[in-house]
Amino acid sequence: METGKANERAKIRTMTANNFKDKIQCHIMEKFPLARKRRIQDWESLLGTGVLDSLGILDLVHYLEADFSITVSDEELLPENFDSIDSIAEFVNRKTSAN
């Protein structure tokens, strides 16, 4: 089982930040109708526009942990990590690079 996780992490590390952003953007557009309606841009605040609320953040964290094999600690649940698609992609890139 550990070998499978190690292989998965190695594959994820080879993804570029743009690939992270594309996957995250697709998930947000699929799961959060307001993002589609507003045609949210990668740099726009998901929190400030109301696209994400506290339950939305929890859903997003679950997706990030499952899809990118990362763990998000309570201390990392900060607006600067989850405010926009760009900031989320940067956060995921940092987390996967650290593993």
C-alpha atoms as a PDB file:
ATOM      1  CA  MET A   1       0.000   0.000   0.000  1.00  0.00           C
ATOM      2  CA  GLU A   2       2.834   2.430   0.871  1.00  0.00           C
ATOM      3  CA  THR A   3       4.472   1.832  -2.512  1.00  0.00           C
ATOM      4  CA  GLY A   4       1.225   2.804  -4.235  1.00  0.00           C
ATOM      5  CA  LYS A   5       1.033   6.050  -2.274  1.00  0.00           C
ATOM      6  CA  ALA A   6       4.690   6.795  -2.979  1.00  0.00           C
ATOM      7  CA  ASN A   7       4.143   6.245  -6.698  1.00  0.00           C
ATOM      8  CA  GLU A   8       1.051   8.442  -6.623  1.00  0.00           C
ATOM      9  CA  ARG A   9       2.965  11.224  -4.873  1.00  0.00           C
ATOM     10  CA  ALA A  10       5.789  10.966  -7.398  1.00  0.00           C
ATOM     11  CA  LYS A  11       3.326  11.357 -10.263  1.00  0.00           C
ATOM     12  CA  ILE A  12       1.684  14.340  -8.602  1.00  0.00           C
ATOM     13  CA  ARG A  13       5.040  16.042  -8.073  1.00  0.00           C
ATOM     14  CA  THR A  14       5.645  15.970 -11.801  1.00  0.00           C
ATOM     15  CA  MET A  15       2.543  18.020 -12.453  1.00  0.00           C
ATOM     16  CA  THR A  16       3.098  21.700 -13.086  1.00  0.00           C
ATOM     17  CA  ALA A  17       1.385  24.468 -11.149  1.00  0.00           C
ATOM     18  CA  ASN A  18      -0.806  25.043 -14.207  1.00  0.00           C
ATOM     19  CA  ASN A  19      -2.005  21.449 -14.078  1.00  0.00           C
ATOM     20  CA  PHE A  20      -2.901  21.954 -10.422  1.00  0.00           C
ATOM     21  CA  LYS A  21      -4.744  25.120 -11.318  1.00  0.00           C
ATOM     22  CA  ASP A  22      -6.645  23.459 -14.175  1.00  0.00           C
ATOM     23  CA  LYS A  23      -7.812  20.579 -11.974  1.00  0.00           C
ATOM     24  CA  ILE A  24      -8.758  22.899  -9.114  1.00  0.00           C
ATOM     25  CA  GLN A  25     -10.586  25.269 -11.445  1.00  0.00           C
ATOM     26  CA  CYS A  26     -12.576  22.381 -12.958  1.00  0.00           C
ATOM     27  CA  HIS A  27     -13.545  21.134  -9.504  1.00  0.00           C
ATOM     28  CA  ILE A  28     -14.640  24.580  -8.332  1.00  0.00           C
ATOM     29  CA  MET A  29     -16.659  25.225 -11.479  1.00  0.00           C
ATOM     30  CA  GLU A  30     -18.315  21.815 -11.179  1.00  0.00           C
ATOM     31  CA  LYS A  31     -19.102  21.907  -7.446  1.00  0.00           C
ATOM     32  CA  PHE A  32     -19.891  25.584  -6.879  1.00  0.00           C
ATOM     33  CA  PRO A  33     -22.632  26.948  -9.163  1.00  0.00           C
ATOM     34  CA  LEU A  34     -21.931  30.555  -8.198  1.00  0.00           C
ATOM     35  CA  ALA A  35     -18.418  30.220  -9.640  1.00  0.00           C
ATOM     36  CA  ARG A  36     -19.936  29.246 -12.999  1.00  0.00           C
ATOM     37  CA  LYS A  37     -22.580  31.942 -12.825  1.00  0.00           C
ATOM     38  CA  ARG A  38     -20.028  34.659 -12.039  1.00  0.00           C
ATOM     39  CA  ARG A  39     -17.470  33.170 -14.457  1.00  0.00           C
ATOM     40  CA  ILE A  40     -14.917  33.547 -11.697  1.00  0.00           C
ATOM     41  CA  GLN A  41     -11.361  34.293 -12.809  1.00  0.00           C
ATOM     42  CA  ASP A  42      -8.334  32.500 -11.339  1.00  0.00           C
ATOM     43  CA  TRP A  43      -7.216  35.586  -9.400  1.00  0.00           C
ATOM     44  CA  GLU A  44     -10.653  36.579  -8.036  1.00  0.00           C
ATOM     45  CA  SER A  45     -11.503  36.096  -4.377  1.00  0.00           C
ATOM     46  CA  LEU A  46     -13.649  33.013  -3.877  1.00  0.00           C
ATOM     47  CA  LEU A  47     -14.333  34.085  -0.316  1.00  0.00           C
ATOM     48  CA  GLY A  48     -15.072  37.742  -1.073  1.00  0.00           C
ATOM     49  CA  THR A  49     -17.454  36.901  -3.921  1.00  0.00           C
ATOM     50  CA  GLY A  50     -19.310  34.354  -1.797  1.00  0.00           C
ATOM     51  CA  VAL A  51     -18.381  31.411  -4.020  1.00  0.00           C
ATOM     52  CA  LEU A  52     -16.836  29.647  -1.006  1.00  0.00           C
ATOM     53  CA  ASP A  53     -18.197  29.668   2.525  1.00  0.00           C
ATOM     54  CA  SER A  54     -17.075  27.582   5.500  1.00  0.00           C
ATOM     55  CA  LEU A  55     -18.803  24.424   4.239  1.00  0.00           C
ATOM     56  CA  GLY A  56     -17.401  25.021   0.776  1.00  0.00           C
ATOM     57  CA  ILE A  57     -13.901  25.237   2.231  1.00  0.00           C
ATOM     58  CA  LEU A  58     -14.405  21.875   3.952  1.00  0.00           C
ATOM     59  CA  ASP A  59     -15.576  20.316   0.679  1.00  0.00           C
ATOM     60  CA  LEU A  60     -12.612  21.813  -1.149  1.00  0.00           C
ATOM     61  CA  VAL A  61     -10.147  20.586   1.490  1.00  0.00           C
ATOM     62  CA  HIS A  62     -11.587  17.073   1.231  1.00  0.00           C
ATOM     63  CA  TYR A  63     -11.142  17.207  -2.553  1.00  0.00           C
ATOM     64  CA  LEU A  64      -7.562  18.511  -2.309  1.00  0.00           C
ATOM     65  CA  GLU A  65      -6.569  15.863   0.234  1.00  0.00           C
ATOM     66  CA  ALA A  66      -8.088  13.053  -1.830  1.00  0.00           C
ATOM     67  CA  ASP A  67      -7.032  14.179  -5.283  1.00  0.00           C
ATOM     68  CA  PHE A  68      -3.538  15.496  -4.534  1.00  0.00           C
ATOM     69  CA  SER A  69      -2.614  13.154  -1.646  1.00  0.00           C
ATOM     70  CA  ILE A  70      -1.909  16.013   0.752  1.00  0.00           C
ATOM     71  CA  THR A  71      -2.964  16.718   4.316  1.00  0.00           C
ATOM     72  CA  VAL A  72      -4.293  20.138   5.215  1.00  0.00           C
ATOM     73  CA  SER A  73      -3.786  21.026   8.869  1.00  0.00           C
ATOM     74  CA  ASP A  74      -6.074  23.323  10.832  1.00  0.00           C
ATOM     75  CA  GLU A  75      -3.250  25.879  10.930  1.00  0.00           C
ATOM     76  CA  GLU A  76      -3.224  25.972   7.113  1.00  0.00           C
ATOM     77  CA  LEU A  77      -6.922  26.830   6.853  1.00  0.00           C
ATOM     78  CA  LEU A  78      -6.091  30.469   6.203  1.00  0.00           C
ATOM     79  CA  PRO A  79      -7.730  32.863   3.741  1.00  0.00           C
ATOM     80  CA  GLU A  80      -4.419  33.413   1.950  1.00  0.00           C
ATOM     81  CA  ASN A  81      -4.309  29.693   1.065  1.00  0.00           C
ATOM     82  CA  PHE A  82      -7.919  29.445  -0.152  1.00  0.00           C
ATOM     83  CA  ASP A  83      -8.909  32.900  -1.391  1.00  0.00           C
ATOM     84  CA  SER A  84      -8.557  32.305  -5.137  1.00  0.00           C
ATOM     85  CA  ILE A  85      -7.909  29.514  -7.610  1.00  0.00           C
ATOM     86  CA  ASP A  86      -4.380  30.900  -7.997  1.00  0.00           C
ATOM     87  CA  SER A  87      -3.706  30.838  -4.244  1.00  0.00           C
ATOM     88  CA  ILE A  88      -5.129  27.318  -3.899  1.00  0.00           C
ATOM     89  CA  ALA A  89      -2.921  26.065  -6.746  1.00  0.00           C
ATOM     90  CA  GLU A  90       0.139  27.688  -5.139  1.00  0.00           C
ATOM     91  CA  PHE A  91      -0.756  26.100  -1.800  1.00  0.00           C
ATOM     92  CA  VAL A  92      -1.127  22.636  -3.381  1.00  0.00           C
ATOM     93  CA  ASN A  93       2.146  23.102  -5.244  1.00  0.00           C
ATOM     94  CA  ARG A  94       3.940  23.959  -1.980  1.00  0.00           C
ATOM     95  CA  LYS A  95       2.364  20.982  -0.180  1.00  0.00           C
ATOM     96  CA  THR A  96       3.220  18.468  -2.887  1.00  0.00           C
ATOM     97  CA  SER A  97       6.755  19.833  -3.242  1.00  0.00           C
ATOM     98  CA  ALA A  98       7.300  19.462   0.510  1.00  0.00           C
ATOM     99  CA  ASN A  99       6.364  15.745   0.484  1.00  0.00           C
END
